[in-house]
Amino acid sequence: MQQISDYELELMKIIWGNGGTAMYADIFSGLETKGTPWTKNTIITLLSRLIDKGLLEISKTGRRNIYTAIIPENEYQATQTARFINKIFEGNTTGLVSALIENNLLSPSDYEELQKHWKAGMK
């Protein structure tokens, strides 16, 4: 899976948040809601790049384009998390968790939630 820019990721988040498909109006509205309205040309350019990178496909309904995510959000997150862990921690997940705890980035409630998740996965 190719890397995408932060701006491309913003568009993907809107599309994923819209059930995996969106029209231009949905995307524009999502950007406005986030307080980051972009020009039409910028949005279209970024959508074209995402299509070229294989993350989106485009179809037509009448004269309108529908953008559909090819890669689900959880799959993208898993791939990017693995890349990050390999790049920064040389594949050592313990190093990641230690860094989160040592830098107070993992709250006690986060820790409890992770324990519940871990125990549920062990059954």
Protein backbone atom coordinates (compact mmCIF):
# COMPACT_ATOMS: atom_id res chain seq x y z
CA MET A 1 0.00 0.00 0.00
CA GLN A 2 1.37 3.39 -0.99
CA GLN A 3 1.94 6.15 1.51
CA ILE A 4 -0.53 9.01 1.42
CA SER A 5 -0.15 12.62 2.49
CA ASP A 6 -1.86 14.11 5.53
CA TYR A 7 -4.24 15.96 3.19
CA GLU A 8 -5.13 12.78 1.34
CA LEU A 9 -5.71 11.08 4.69
CA GLU A 10 -8.17 13.82 5.67
CA LEU A 11 -10.24 13.00 2.58
CA MET A 12 -10.06 9.28 3.28
CA LYS A 13 -11.25 9.84 6.87
CA ILE A 14 -14.29 11.71 5.56
CA ILE A 15 -15.05 8.95 3.06
CA TRP A 16 -14.58 6.20 5.66
CA GLY A 17 -16.73 8.17 8.09
CA ASN A 18 -19.45 8.33 5.45
CA GLY A 19 -19.70 4.54 5.24
CA GLY A 20 -16.91 4.13 2.70
CA THR A 21 -18.53 6.09 -0.13
CA ALA A 22 -18.99 9.79 -0.70
CA MET A 23 -19.83 12.32 -3.36
CA TYR A 24 -17.92 15.56 -3.76
CA ALA A 25 -20.59 17.45 -1.79
CA ASP A 26 -20.17 15.05 1.16
CA ILE A 27 -16.42 15.56 1.12
CA PHE A 28 -16.68 19.33 0.84
CA SER A 29 -19.19 19.41 3.68
CA GLY A 30 -16.95 17.20 5.82
CA LEU A 31 -14.02 19.55 5.29
CA GLU A 32 -16.17 22.57 6.19
CA THR A 33 -17.32 20.83 9.37
CA LYS A 34 -13.69 20.27 10.35
CA GLY A 35 -12.98 23.94 9.66
CA THR A 36 -10.71 23.20 6.71
CA PRO A 37 -12.57 24.11 3.53
CA TRP A 38 -10.37 23.64 0.47
CA THR A 39 -10.82 24.77 -3.10
CA LYS A 40 -12.57 22.47 -5.55
CA ASN A 41 -9.37 22.03 -7.58
CA THR A 42 -7.42 20.95 -4.48
CA ILE A 43 -10.05 18.38 -3.52
CA ILE A 44 -10.32 16.98 -7.06
CA THR A 45 -6.52 16.76 -7.35
CA LEU A 46 -6.23 14.89 -4.06
CA LEU A 47 -9.08 12.53 -4.98
CA SER A 48 -7.35 11.80 -8.30
CA ARG A 49 -4.13 10.96 -6.47
CA LEU A 50 -5.99 8.59 -4.15
CA ILE A 51 -7.51 6.86 -7.19
CA ASP A 52 -4.06 6.58 -8.79
CA LYS A 53 -2.66 5.12 -5.55
CA GLY A 54 -5.38 2.46 -5.47
CA LEU A 55 -7.19 3.63 -2.34
CA LEU A 56 -10.31 4.92 -4.07
CA GLU A 57 -12.40 4.00 -7.06
CA ILE A 58 -14.79 6.30 -8.87
CA SER A 59 -18.16 5.60 -10.39
CA LYS A 60 -20.84 7.81 -11.87
CA THR A 61 -24.43 8.38 -10.87
CA GLY A 62 -25.83 10.62 -13.54
CA ARG A 63 -23.35 13.47 -13.77
CA ARG A 64 -22.06 13.00 -10.23
CA ASN A 65 -18.98 11.07 -9.17
CA ILE A 66 -19.15 8.64 -6.29
CA TYR A 67 -15.86 7.92 -4.54
CA THR A 68 -15.58 4.54 -2.85
CA ALA A 69 -12.80 3.44 -0.52
CA ILE A 70 -11.11 0.27 -1.76
CA ILE A 71 -9.13 -0.15 1.45
CA PRO A 72 -11.17 -0.28 4.69
CA GLU A 73 -10.09 2.11 7.44
CA ASN A 74 -9.10 -0.66 9.87
CA GLU A 75 -6.87 -2.26 7.21
CA TYR A 76 -5.18 1.08 6.50
CA GLN A 77 -4.66 1.67 10.23
CA ALA A 78 -3.18 -1.80 10.73
CA THR A 79 -0.75 -1.37 7.82
CA GLN A 80 0.35 2.09 8.94
CA THR A 81 0.72 0.96 12.56
CA ALA A 82 2.94 -1.93 11.49
CA ARG A 83 5.05 0.42 9.34
CA PHE A 84 5.42 2.85 12.23
CA ILE A 85 6.41 0.13 14.71
CA ASN A 86 8.93 -1.32 12.25
CA LYS A 87 10.38 2.08 11.37
CA ILE A 88 10.58 3.65 14.81
CA PHE A 89 10.81 0.66 17.16
CA GLU A 90 12.38 -1.90 14.79
CA GLY A 91 9.34 -4.12 15.19
CA ASN A 92 9.40 -4.06 18.99
CA THR A 93 5.82 -3.48 20.15
CA THR A 94 6.95 -3.52 23.77
CA GLY A 95 9.07 -0.46 22.97
CA LEU A 96 5.99 1.30 21.63
CA VAL A 97 3.89 0.52 24.70
CA SER A 98 6.76 1.50 27.02
CA ALA A 99 7.11 4.83 25.22
CA LEU A 100 3.38 5.45 25.57
CA ILE A 101 3.46 4.73 29.31
CA GLU A 102 6.72 6.59 30.04
CA ASN A 103 5.51 9.71 28.23
CA ASN A 104 2.07 9.68 29.88
CA LEU A 105 0.38 9.06 26.53
CA LEU A 106 -1.49 6.06 27.89
CA SER A 107 -3.94 6.95 30.64
CA PRO A 108 -4.97 4.51 33.37
CA SER A 109 -8.41 4.19 31.74
CA ASP A 110 -6.73 3.47 28.38
CA TYR A 111 -4.68 0.79 30.12
CA GLU A 112 -7.80 -0.78 31.66
CA GLU A 113 -9.53 -0.76 28.28
CA LEU A 114 -6.52 -2.47 26.69
CA GLN A 115 -6.54 -5.12 29.41
CA LYS A 116 -10.23 -5.84 28.73
CA HIS A 117 -9.53 -6.02 25.00
CA TRP A 118 -6.56 -8.33 25.58
CA LYS A 119 -8.54 -10.65 27.86
CA ALA A 120 -11.47 -10.78 25.43
CA GLY A 121 -9.09 -11.74 22.63
CA MET A 122 -7.58 -14.55 24.67
CA LYS A 123 -10.90 -16.43 24.99
